[in-house]
């Protein structure tokens, strides 16, 4: 991650609402970094290719 992302001005506010249980992740609270990291997990299931906060929407869209 670059310094600009680490210094995200809204990171603390996002962390208040972030549902991801991995609070020790360096991307926690930096949604754009999280989305990119998950999108690039091409070997994982489709569900894991979405961040934790979006998985309920994916399940709903898949009819699960």
Protein backbone atom coordinates (compact mmCIF):
# COMPACT_ATOMS: atom_id res chain seq x y z
CA UNK A 1 0.00 0.00 0.00
CA UNK A 2 1.20 3.45 -0.67
CA UNK A 3 1.33 6.22 1.91
CA UNK A 4 -1.67 8.02 0.40
CA UNK A 5 -3.89 5.00 1.11
CA UNK A 6 -2.53 4.50 4.61
CA UNK A 7 -3.32 8.16 5.37
CA UNK A 8 -6.92 7.82 4.15
CA UNK A 9 -8.74 10.82 5.69
CA UNK A 10 -11.94 8.87 6.34
CA UNK A 11 -10.38 5.63 7.57
CA UNK A 12 -11.41 6.11 11.21
CA UNK A 13 -15.02 6.86 10.21
CA UNK A 14 -15.13 3.82 7.91
CA UNK A 15 -13.73 1.62 10.70
CA UNK A 16 -16.76 2.53 12.83
CA UNK A 17 -18.99 0.77 10.30
CA UNK A 18 -16.68 -1.89 8.88
CA UNK A 19 -18.13 -5.34 9.51
CA UNK A 20 -14.94 -7.23 8.70
CA UNK A 21 -13.81 -9.33 11.66
CA UNK A 22 -10.14 -9.00 10.65
CA UNK A 23 -9.47 -5.69 12.37
CA UNK A 24 -5.72 -6.39 12.34
CA UNK A 25 -5.67 -6.30 8.51
CA UNK A 26 -3.60 -3.39 7.18
CA UNK A 27 -6.43 -2.62 4.73
CA UNK A 28 -9.14 -2.44 7.42
CA UNK A 29 -10.99 0.82 6.89
CA UNK A 30 -9.52 1.46 3.45
CA UNK A 31 -12.32 0.19 1.24
CA UNK A 32 -10.60 0.78 -2.09
CA UNK A 33 -7.56 -1.27 -1.02
CA UNK A 34 -9.76 -4.01 0.37
CA UNK A 35 -11.84 -4.27 -2.80
CA UNK A 36 -8.73 -4.53 -4.98
CA UNK A 37 -7.17 -7.17 -2.74
CA UNK A 38 -10.30 -9.33 -2.77
CA UNK A 39 -10.94 -8.88 -6.48
CA UNK A 40 -7.45 -10.19 -7.21
CA UNK A 41 -8.05 -13.44 -5.27
CA UNK A 42 -8.81 -15.30 -8.49
CA UNK A 43 -8.13 -18.75 -7.02
CA UNK A 44 -10.76 -18.32 -4.28
CA UNK A 45 -14.50 -18.89 -4.44
CA UNK A 46 -16.65 -16.10 -5.86
CA UNK A 47 -17.86 -15.20 -2.37
CA UNK A 48 -14.33 -14.64 -1.05
CA UNK A 49 -13.57 -12.40 -4.01
CA UNK A 50 -15.82 -9.81 -2.36
CA UNK A 51 -14.99 -8.00 0.90
CA UNK A 52 -16.79 -9.19 4.02
CA UNK A 53 -19.08 -6.14 4.01
CA UNK A 54 -20.49 -7.04 0.57
CA UNK A 55 -20.94 -10.79 0.95
CA UNK A 56 -24.56 -10.63 2.12
CA UNK A 57 -25.42 -8.70 -1.05
CA UNK A 58 -23.60 -11.29 -3.17
CA UNK A 59 -25.47 -14.12 -1.45
CA UNK A 60 -28.76 -12.32 -2.02
CA UNK A 61 -27.94 -11.81 -5.69
CA UNK A 62 -27.04 -15.48 -6.04
CA UNK A 63 -30.33 -16.51 -4.42
CA UNK A 64 -28.60 -18.04 -1.40
